[in-house]
C-alpha atoms as a PDB file:
ATOM      1  CA  MET A   1     -20.669  14.454 -15.959  1.00  0.00           C
ATOM      2  CA  ALA A   2     -19.209  12.497 -18.884  1.00  0.00           C
ATOM      3  CA  LYS A   3     -18.572   8.825 -18.191  1.00  0.00           C
ATOM      4  CA  PRO A   4     -15.048   7.520 -18.868  1.00  0.00           C
ATOM      5  CA  ILE A   5     -14.007   5.796 -21.495  1.00  0.00           C
ATOM      6  CA  LYS A   6     -13.554   2.256 -21.354  1.00  0.00           C
ATOM      7  CA  PRO A   7     -10.412   0.751 -22.031  1.00  0.00           C
ATOM      8  CA  LEU A   8     -10.133  -1.385 -24.839  1.00  0.00           C
ATOM      9  CA  ALA A   9     -10.186  -5.484 -24.490  1.00  0.00           C
ATOM     10  CA  ARG A  10      -6.563  -6.492 -24.956  1.00  0.00           C
ATOM     11  CA  PRO A  11      -6.907  -9.260 -28.020  1.00  0.00           C
ATOM     12  CA  PRO A  12      -5.416 -12.594 -27.222  1.00  0.00           C
ATOM     13  CA  LEU A  13      -1.800 -13.251 -28.027  1.00  0.00           C
ATOM     14  CA  LEU A  14      -1.216 -14.552 -31.516  1.00  0.00           C
ATOM     15  CA  HIS A  15      -0.093 -17.852 -31.036  1.00  0.00           C
ATOM     16  CA  VAL A  16      -3.091 -18.029 -29.020  1.00  0.00           C
ATOM     17  CA  SER A  17      -5.551 -16.905 -32.132  1.00  0.00           C
ATOM     18  CA  VAL A  18      -3.317 -19.741 -33.967  1.00  0.00           C
ATOM     19  CA  GLN A  19      -4.104 -22.332 -31.402  1.00  0.00           C
ATOM     20  CA  GLU A  20      -7.492 -21.646 -31.816  1.00  0.00           C
ATOM     21  CA  SER A  21      -7.492 -22.117 -35.775  1.00  0.00           C
ATOM     22  CA  LEU A  22      -5.316 -25.368 -35.563  1.00  0.00           C
ATOM     23  CA  ARG A  23      -8.113 -27.140 -33.024  1.00  0.00           C
ATOM     24  CA  SER A  24     -10.780 -25.669 -35.862  1.00  0.00           C
ATOM     25  CA  TYR A  25      -9.026 -27.047 -38.625  1.00  0.00           C
ATOM     26  CA  ILE A  26      -8.746 -30.470 -36.582  1.00  0.00           C
ATOM     27  CA  GLU A  27     -12.462 -30.554 -35.894  1.00  0.00           C
ATOM     28  CA  ASP A  28     -13.564 -29.017 -39.246  1.00  0.00           C
ATOM     29  CA  ASN A  29     -11.869 -31.674 -40.880  1.00  0.00           C
ATOM     30  CA  ASN A  30     -12.633 -34.641 -38.860  1.00  0.00           C
ATOM     31  CA  LEU A  31      -9.050 -35.583 -37.802  1.00  0.00           C
ATOM     32  CA  ALA A  32      -8.865 -38.755 -36.281  1.00  0.00           C
ATOM     33  CA  ALA A  33      -5.267 -39.734 -34.163  1.00  0.00           C
ATOM     34  CA  GLY A  34      -2.601 -40.465 -36.151  1.00  0.00           C
ATOM     35  CA  ALA A  35      -3.555 -37.888 -38.840  1.00  0.00           C
ATOM     36  CA  ALA A  36      -1.065 -35.478 -40.273  1.00  0.00           C
ATOM     37  CA  LEU A  37      -0.894 -31.749 -39.992  1.00  0.00           C
ATOM     38  CA  PRO A  38       0.179 -29.603 -42.881  1.00  0.00           C
ATOM     39  CA  PRO A  39       4.212 -28.508 -42.623  1.00  0.00           C
ATOM     40  CA  GLU A  40       4.645 -25.646 -40.298  1.00  0.00           C
ATOM     41  CA  THR A  41       5.413 -23.250 -43.962  1.00  0.00           C
ATOM     42  CA  PHE A  42       1.964 -23.754 -45.177  1.00  0.00           C
ATOM     43  CA  LEU A  43       0.182 -23.097 -41.799  1.00  0.00           C
ATOM     44  CA  ALA A  44       1.648 -19.796 -41.341  1.00  0.00           C
ATOM     45  CA  GLN A  45       1.168 -18.942 -44.940  1.00  0.00           C
ATOM     46  CA  GLN A  46      -2.490 -20.281 -44.863  1.00  0.00           C
ATOM     47  CA  LEU A  47      -2.998 -18.265 -41.541  1.00  0.00           C
ATOM     48  CA  GLY A  48      -0.735 -14.962 -42.296  1.00  0.00           C
ATOM     49  CA  VAL A  49       1.322 -15.317 -39.668  1.00  0.00           C
ATOM     50  CA  GLY A  50       5.212 -16.403 -39.163  1.00  0.00           C
ATOM     51  CA  ARG A  51       6.331 -19.937 -38.550  1.00  0.00           C
ATOM     52  CA  ASN A  52       7.479 -19.247 -34.786  1.00  0.00           C
ATOM     53  CA  SER A  53       3.868 -18.191 -33.928  1.00  0.00           C
ATOM     54  CA  VAL A  54       2.295 -21.864 -35.537  1.00  0.00           C
ATOM     55  CA  ARG A  55       5.347 -23.498 -33.571  1.00  0.00           C
ATOM     56  CA  GLU A  56       4.115 -22.215 -30.402  1.00  0.00           C
ATOM     57  CA  ALA A  57       0.875 -23.051 -31.001  1.00  0.00           C
ATOM     58  CA  ILE A  58       1.660 -26.305 -31.708  1.00  0.00           C
ATOM     59  CA  LYS A  59       3.964 -26.705 -28.847  1.00  0.00           C
ATOM     60  CA  ALA A  60       1.070 -25.505 -26.704  1.00  0.00           C
ATOM     61  CA  LEU A  61      -1.423 -28.217 -28.205  1.00  0.00           C
ATOM     62  CA  GLU A  62       1.198 -30.449 -27.474  1.00  0.00           C
ATOM     63  CA  SER A  63       1.447 -29.722 -23.982  1.00  0.00           C
ATOM     64  CA  VAL A  64      -2.103 -30.521 -23.743  1.00  0.00           C
ATOM     65  CA  GLY A  65      -2.015 -33.633 -25.576  1.00  0.00           C
ATOM     66  CA  ILE A  66      -3.429 -32.592 -28.780  1.00  0.00           C
ATOM     67  CA  LEU A  67      -1.040 -32.897 -31.028  1.00  0.00           C
ATOM     68  CA  GLU A  68       2.629 -34.819 -30.909  1.00  0.00           C
ATOM     69  CA  THR A  69       5.653 -33.756 -32.957  1.00  0.00           C
ATOM     70  CA  ARG A  70       7.524 -36.834 -34.686  1.00  0.00           C
ATOM     71  CA  ARG A  71      11.083 -35.837 -35.108  1.00  0.00           C
ATOM     72  CA  GLY A  72      11.828 -35.388 -38.824  1.00  0.00           C
ATOM     73  CA  ILE A  73       8.168 -36.602 -40.066  1.00  0.00           C
ATOM     74  CA  GLY A  74       5.811 -33.521 -38.994  1.00  0.00           C
ATOM     75  CA  VAL A  75       3.006 -32.994 -36.607  1.00  0.00           C
ATOM     76  CA  PHE A  76       0.246 -35.730 -35.822  1.00  0.00           C
ATOM     77  CA  VAL A  77      -2.918 -35.386 -33.695  1.00  0.00           C
ATOM     78  CA  LYS A  78      -2.148 -37.169 -30.749  1.00  0.00           C
ATOM     79  CA  GLU A  79      -4.529 -39.943 -29.686  1.00  0.00           C
ATOM     80  CA  PHE A  80      -6.733 -38.608 -26.503  1.00  0.00           C
ATOM     81  CA  SER A  81      -5.360 -39.182 -23.299  1.00  0.00           C
ATOM     82  CA  PHE A  82      -6.246 -37.982 -19.709  1.00  0.00           C
ATOM     83  CA  ALA A  83      -2.262 -37.762 -18.636  1.00  0.00           C
ATOM     84  CA  PRO A  84      -1.927 -34.073 -19.409  1.00  0.00           C
ATOM     85  CA  LEU A  85      -5.183 -33.596 -17.045  1.00  0.00           C
ATOM     86  CA  LEU A  86      -3.824 -35.494 -14.510  1.00  0.00           C
ATOM     87  CA  ASP A  87      -0.361 -33.710 -14.349  1.00  0.00           C
ATOM     88  CA  ASN A  88      -2.018 -30.382 -14.453  1.00  0.00           C
ATOM     89  CA  LEU A  89      -4.587 -31.544 -11.519  1.00  0.00           C
ATOM     90  CA  ALA A  90      -2.132 -32.995  -9.327  1.00  0.00           C
ATOM     91  CA  TYR A  91       0.433 -29.727 -10.058  1.00  0.00           C
ATOM     92  CA  GLY A  92      -2.597 -27.524  -9.162  1.00  0.00           C
ATOM     93  CA  LEU A  93      -3.787 -29.295  -6.012  1.00  0.00           C
ATOM     94  CA  GLN A  94       0.010 -29.606  -4.067  1.00  0.00           C
ATOM     95  CA  PRO A  95      -0.553 -26.436  -1.956  1.00  0.00           C
ATOM     96  CA  SER A  96      -3.870 -27.507  -0.493  1.00  0.00           C
ATOM     97  CA  LEU A  97      -4.709 -30.074   1.614  1.00  0.00           C
ATOM     98  CA  ARG A  98      -8.167 -28.878   1.455  1.00  0.00           C
ATOM     99  CA  ASP A  99      -8.581 -29.066  -2.392  1.00  0.00           C
ATOM    100  CA  VAL A 100      -7.199 -32.803  -1.757  1.00  0.00           C
ATOM    101  CA  GLU A 101     -10.442 -33.271   0.479  1.00  0.00           C
ATOM    102  CA  GLU A 102     -12.516 -31.882  -2.166  1.00  0.00           C
ATOM    103  CA  LEU A 103     -11.106 -34.109  -4.522  1.00  0.00           C
ATOM    104  CA  GLN A 104     -11.417 -36.985  -2.708  1.00  0.00           C
ATOM    105  CA  GLU A 105     -15.047 -36.150  -1.818  1.00  0.00           C
ATOM    106  CA  ILE A 106     -15.661 -36.426  -5.300  1.00  0.00           C
ATOM    107  CA  ARG A 107     -14.191 -39.990  -5.478  1.00  0.00           C
ATOM    108  CA  ARG A 108     -15.894 -41.176  -2.691  1.00  0.00           C
ATOM    109  CA  VAL A 109     -19.204 -40.411  -4.199  1.00  0.00           C
ATOM    110  CA  LEU A 110     -18.024 -41.883  -7.795  1.00  0.00           C
ATOM    111  CA  GLU A 111     -17.304 -45.314  -6.308  1.00  0.00           C
ATOM    112  CA  THR A 112     -20.161 -45.497  -3.409  1.00  0.00           C
ATOM    113  CA  GLY A 113     -22.876 -44.370  -6.673  1.00  0.00           C
ATOM    114  CA  LEU A 114     -21.583 -46.889  -8.783  1.00  0.00           C
ATOM    115  CA  ILE A 115     -20.563 -50.330  -6.497  1.00  0.00           C
ATOM    116  CA  ASP A 116     -24.110 -51.650  -6.995  1.00  0.00           C
ATOM    117  CA  ARG A 117     -23.091 -52.100 -10.581  1.00  0.00           C
ATOM    118  CA  THR A 118     -20.058 -53.776  -9.875  1.00  0.00           C
ATOM    119  CA  ILE A 119     -22.009 -56.234  -7.397  1.00  0.00           C
ATOM    120  CA  GLU A 120     -24.379 -56.985 -10.142  1.00  0.00           C
ATOM    121  CA  MET A 121     -21.483 -58.059 -12.602  1.00  0.00           C
ATOM    122  CA  ILE A 122     -18.511 -58.948 -10.744  1.00  0.00           C
ATOM    123  CA  GLY A 123     -17.196 -62.839 -11.271  1.00  0.00           C
ATOM    124  CA  GLU A 124     -15.680 -64.869  -9.178  1.00  0.00           C
ATOM    125  CA  GLU A 125     -12.280 -64.204 -10.412  1.00  0.00           C
ATOM    126  CA  ASP A 126     -12.622 -60.875  -9.827  1.00  0.00           C
ATOM    127  CA  ILE A 127     -13.383 -61.724  -6.473  1.00  0.00           C
ATOM    128  CA  ALA A 128     -10.503 -63.820  -5.768  1.00  0.00           C
ATOM    129  CA  GLU A 129      -8.106 -61.048  -6.974  1.00  0.00           C
ATOM    130  CA  LEU A 130      -9.970 -58.411  -4.769  1.00  0.00           C
ATOM    131  CA  ARG A 131      -8.874 -60.678  -1.592  1.00  0.00           C
ATOM    132  CA  ASN A 132      -5.547 -61.305  -2.966  1.00  0.00           C
ATOM    133  CA  VAL A 133      -4.763 -57.616  -3.472  1.00  0.00           C
ATOM    134  CA  ALA A 134      -6.281 -57.077  -0.102  1.00  0.00           C
ATOM    135  CA  ASP A 135      -3.984 -59.654   1.415  1.00  0.00           C
ATOM    136  CA  ARG A 136      -1.010 -58.156   0.252  1.00  0.00           C
ATOM    137  CA  MET A 137      -1.764 -54.599   1.531  1.00  0.00           C
ATOM    138  CA  ARG A 138      -1.896 -56.512   5.121  1.00  0.00           C
ATOM    139  CA  GLN A 139       1.565 -58.206   4.417  1.00  0.00           C
ATOM    140  CA  ARG A 140       2.911 -54.690   3.658  1.00  0.00           C
ATOM    141  CA  ALA A 141       1.226 -53.083   6.446  1.00  0.00           C
ATOM    142  CA  GLU A 142       2.444 -55.669   9.312  1.00  0.00           C
ATOM    143  CA  ARG A 143       5.780 -54.774   7.624  1.00  0.00           C
ATOM    144  CA  GLY A 144       5.396 -51.180   7.923  1.00  0.00           C
ATOM    145  CA  GLU A 145       5.626 -50.416   4.199  1.00  0.00           C
ATOM    146  CA  SER A 146       3.434 -48.464   2.018  1.00  0.00           C
ATOM    147  CA  PHE A 147       0.690 -50.256   0.015  1.00  0.00           C
ATOM    148  CA  ALA A 148       0.009 -47.314  -2.616  1.00  0.00           C
ATOM    149  CA  GLU A 149       0.390 -49.754  -5.678  1.00  0.00           C
ATOM    150  CA  GLU A 150      -1.632 -52.337  -4.214  1.00  0.00           C
ATOM    151  CA  ASP A 151      -4.466 -49.226  -2.984  1.00  0.00           C
ATOM    152  CA  GLN A 152      -4.741 -48.278  -6.771  1.00  0.00           C
ATOM    153  CA  GLN A 153      -4.967 -51.869  -7.991  1.00  0.00           C
ATOM    154  CA  PHE A 154      -7.585 -53.042  -5.750  1.00  0.00           C
ATOM    155  CA  HIS A 155      -9.707 -49.870  -7.007  1.00  0.00           C
ATOM    156  CA  GLN A 156      -9.197 -50.461 -10.593  1.00  0.00           C
ATOM    157  CA  LEU A 157     -10.100 -54.196  -9.762  1.00  0.00           C
ATOM    158  CA  LEU A 158     -13.420 -53.393  -8.340  1.00  0.00           C
ATOM    159  CA  PHE A 159     -14.500 -51.881 -11.186  1.00  0.00           C
ATOM    160  CA  ARG A 160     -13.186 -53.583 -14.074  1.00  0.00           C
ATOM    161  CA  CYS A 161     -16.033 -55.677 -14.412  1.00  0.00           C
ATOM    162  CA  GLN A 162     -18.134 -52.728 -15.549  1.00  0.00           C
ATOM    163  CA  ASN A 163     -16.079 -52.842 -18.760  1.00  0.00           C
ATOM    164  CA  ASN A 164     -16.491 -48.882 -18.973  1.00  0.00           C
ATOM    165  CA  LYS A 165     -13.213 -47.039 -20.060  1.00  0.00           C
ATOM    166  CA  MET A 166     -14.038 -43.597 -18.678  1.00  0.00           C
ATOM    167  CA  LEU A 167     -15.024 -44.577 -15.679  1.00  0.00           C
ATOM    168  CA  SER A 168     -11.664 -46.528 -15.203  1.00  0.00           C
ATOM    169  CA  THR A 169      -9.967 -43.360 -16.545  1.00  0.00           C
ATOM    170  CA  LEU A 170     -11.516 -41.100 -14.150  1.00  0.00           C
ATOM    171  CA  ILE A 171     -11.002 -43.860 -10.959  1.00  0.00           C
ATOM    172  CA  ASP A 172      -7.353 -43.516 -12.125  1.00  0.00           C
ATOM    173  CA  ILE A 173      -7.120 -40.199 -12.336  1.00  0.00           C
ATOM    174  CA  PHE A 174      -8.864 -39.184  -9.432  1.00  0.00           C
ATOM    175  CA  TRP A 175      -6.543 -41.957  -7.187  1.00  0.00           C
ATOM    176  CA  SER A 176      -3.550 -41.015  -8.974  1.00  0.00           C
ATOM    177  CA  ALA A 177      -4.378 -37.037  -8.607  1.00  0.00           C
ATOM    178  CA  PHE A 178      -4.841 -37.239  -4.802  1.00  0.00           C
ATOM    179  CA  TYR A 179      -1.750 -39.749  -4.330  1.00  0.00           C
ATOM    180  CA  LYS A 180       0.773 -37.137  -6.114  1.00  0.00           C
ATOM    181  CA  ALA A 181      -1.081 -33.688  -5.050  1.00  0.00           C
ATOM    182  CA  SER A 182      -1.602 -34.956  -1.453  1.00  0.00           C
ATOM    183  CA  GLY A 183       1.681 -36.752  -0.861  1.00  0.00           C
ATOM    184  CA  ILE A 184      -0.571 -39.271   1.541  1.00  0.00           C
ATOM    185  CA  ALA A 185       2.002 -42.093   1.009  1.00  0.00           C
ATOM    186  CA  ASN A 186       4.367 -39.940   3.112  1.00  0.00           C
ATOM    187  CA  LEU A 187       1.705 -38.686   5.576  1.00  0.00           C
ATOM    188  CA  THR A 188       1.450 -39.831   8.799  1.00  0.00           C
ATOM    189  CA  ASN A 189      -0.835 -43.041   9.087  1.00  0.00           C
ATOM    190  CA  PRO A 190      -1.176 -44.150  12.900  1.00  0.00           C
ATOM    191  CA  ASN A 191      -2.830 -47.310  11.899  1.00  0.00           C
ATOM    192  CA  PRO A 192      -1.915 -48.617   8.221  1.00  0.00           C
ATOM    193  CA  LEU A 193      -3.762 -51.966   9.432  1.00  0.00           C
ATOM    194  CA  ALA A 194      -6.908 -50.569   9.829  1.00  0.00           C
ATOM    195  CA  THR A 195      -6.532 -49.235   6.071  1.00  0.00           C
ATOM    196  CA  TRP A 196      -5.824 -52.360   4.896  1.00  0.00           C
ATOM    197  CA  ARG A 197      -9.107 -53.787   7.334  1.00  0.00           C
ATOM    198  CA  ASP A 198     -11.288 -51.083   5.359  1.00  0.00           C
ATOM    199  CA  HIS A 199     -10.202 -52.787   1.883  1.00  0.00           C
ATOM    200  CA  HIS A 200     -10.114 -56.082   3.398  1.00  0.00           C
ATOM    201  CA  GLU A 201     -14.133 -55.382   4.449  1.00  0.00           C
ATOM    202  CA  ILE A 202     -14.967 -53.870   1.150  1.00  0.00           C
ATOM    203  CA  ALA A 203     -13.925 -57.255  -0.993  1.00  0.00           C
ATOM    204  CA  GLU A 204     -16.172 -59.308   1.711  1.00  0.00           C
ATOM    205  CA  ALA A 205     -18.880 -57.368   1.110  1.00  0.00           C
ATOM    206  CA  VAL A 206     -18.875 -57.528  -2.730  1.00  0.00           C
ATOM    207  CA  ALA A 207     -18.026 -61.340  -2.630  1.00  0.00           C
ATOM    208  CA  ALA A 208     -21.655 -61.513  -0.151  1.00  0.00           C
ATOM    209  CA  ARG A 209     -23.256 -59.193  -2.806  1.00  0.00           C
ATOM    210  CA  ASP A 210     -24.521 -56.815  -0.068  1.00  0.00           C
ATOM    211  CA  VAL A 211     -24.957 -53.596  -1.539  1.00  0.00           C
ATOM    212  CA  GLU A 212     -25.288 -51.592   1.428  1.00  0.00           C
ATOM    213  CA  ALA A 213     -22.455 -53.131   3.142  1.00  0.00           C
ATOM    214  CA  ALA A 214     -20.235 -52.618   0.942  1.00  0.00           C
ATOM    215  CA  ARG A 215     -21.206 -48.932  -0.171  1.00  0.00           C
ATOM    216  CA  ARG A 216     -20.949 -48.650   3.998  1.00  0.00           C
ATOM    217  CA  ARG A 217     -17.543 -49.920   3.965  1.00  0.00           C
ATOM    218  CA  LEU A 218     -16.816 -47.503   0.962  1.00  0.00           C
ATOM    219  CA  GLY A 219     -17.866 -44.532   3.103  1.00  0.00           C
ATOM    220  CA  GLU A 220     -15.760 -45.843   6.188  1.00  0.00           C
ATOM    221  CA  HIS A 221     -12.711 -46.355   4.273  1.00  0.00           C
ATOM    222  CA  TYR A 222     -12.712 -42.658   3.088  1.00  0.00           C
ATOM    223  CA  SER A 223     -13.795 -41.341   6.190  1.00  0.00           C
ATOM    224  CA  GLY A 224     -10.671 -42.815   7.741  1.00  0.00           C
ATOM    225  CA  ILE A 225      -8.725 -41.223   4.374  1.00  0.00           C
ATOM    226  CA  ARG A 226     -10.190 -37.839   5.805  1.00  0.00           C
ATOM    227  CA  ARG A 227      -8.751 -38.062   9.347  1.00  0.00           C
ATOM    228  CA  VAL A 228      -5.606 -39.060   8.120  1.00  0.00           C
ATOM    229  CA  ILE A 229      -5.107 -35.764   6.006  1.00  0.00           C
ATOM    230  CA  ALA A 230      -6.970 -33.586   9.054  1.00  0.00           C
ATOM    231  CA  MET A 231      -4.234 -34.952  10.921  1.00  0.00           C
ATOM    232  CA  ASN A 232      -1.801 -33.676   8.774  1.00  0.00           C
ATOM    233  CA  ARG A 233      -2.683 -30.446   7.568  1.00  0.00           C
ATOM    234  CA  PRO A 234      -1.106 -27.618   9.216  1.00  0.00           C
ATOM    235  CA  GLU A 235      -2.692 -25.531  12.157  1.00  0.00           C
ATOM    236  CA  GLU A 236      -4.124 -22.162  10.882  1.00  0.00           C
ATOM    237  CA  GLY A 237      -1.316 -19.511  11.290  1.00  0.00           C
ATOM    238  CA  VAL A 238       1.473 -22.254  11.915  1.00  0.00           C
ATOM    239  CA  GLU A 239       3.907 -22.448   9.167  1.00  0.00           C
ATOM    240  CA  PRO A 240       4.434 -26.138   7.909  1.00  0.00           C
ATOM    241  CA  VAL A 241       7.819 -28.062   8.481  1.00  0.00           C
ATOM    242  CA  GLN A 242      10.263 -27.813   5.710  1.00  0.00           C
ATOM    243  CA  GLN A 243      11.417 -31.556   4.863  1.00  0.00           C
END
């Protein structure tokens, strides 16, 4: 018996092919941030497509942070930014606290794995700042206020001394995406002072140059966050209450 004919693979949409061509053009010509692309008309002629396809491709590349359009001037290569990744990551995680837990686990491994280098490098000024931020968290916790801003600042300070731009950006991405996706600032936290205490103890372990204590305190901090998430996760088969 004859085997059936396999269906043809659907070719990519035209504007997707144009996107790939524009990416290749940027890479092949080593165009740096701020470099101008040729006008749309020229690109359309070179690619043998209509201007609408070029325009759609440019808009798509703008959405992922590769290009930017300056009205009345032209299209330019944009300086690299993690912002589009952050926005898309947070959006994609919104429906699932399980996914948020996995994101938080990545962040835990990243921070506990690199805290020893912080302890080698951190100066007294950064330690004093860590303590000040932790104290502001305590004051807010005692007033029953959210301290998300101080939380982010604390984790930035914890690794600032390493002067690793990629690390700082990744920590910010994981922190911000977690907060945006989980809405943890609005989750029920039965003991905000315990969250403050975690940060206080982390700061004191760093000040004492105690790697094992700092790593343990960070791990306990993330365990506490997991408990808050678990407490707020709806039971299987139970529809979450609409706010």
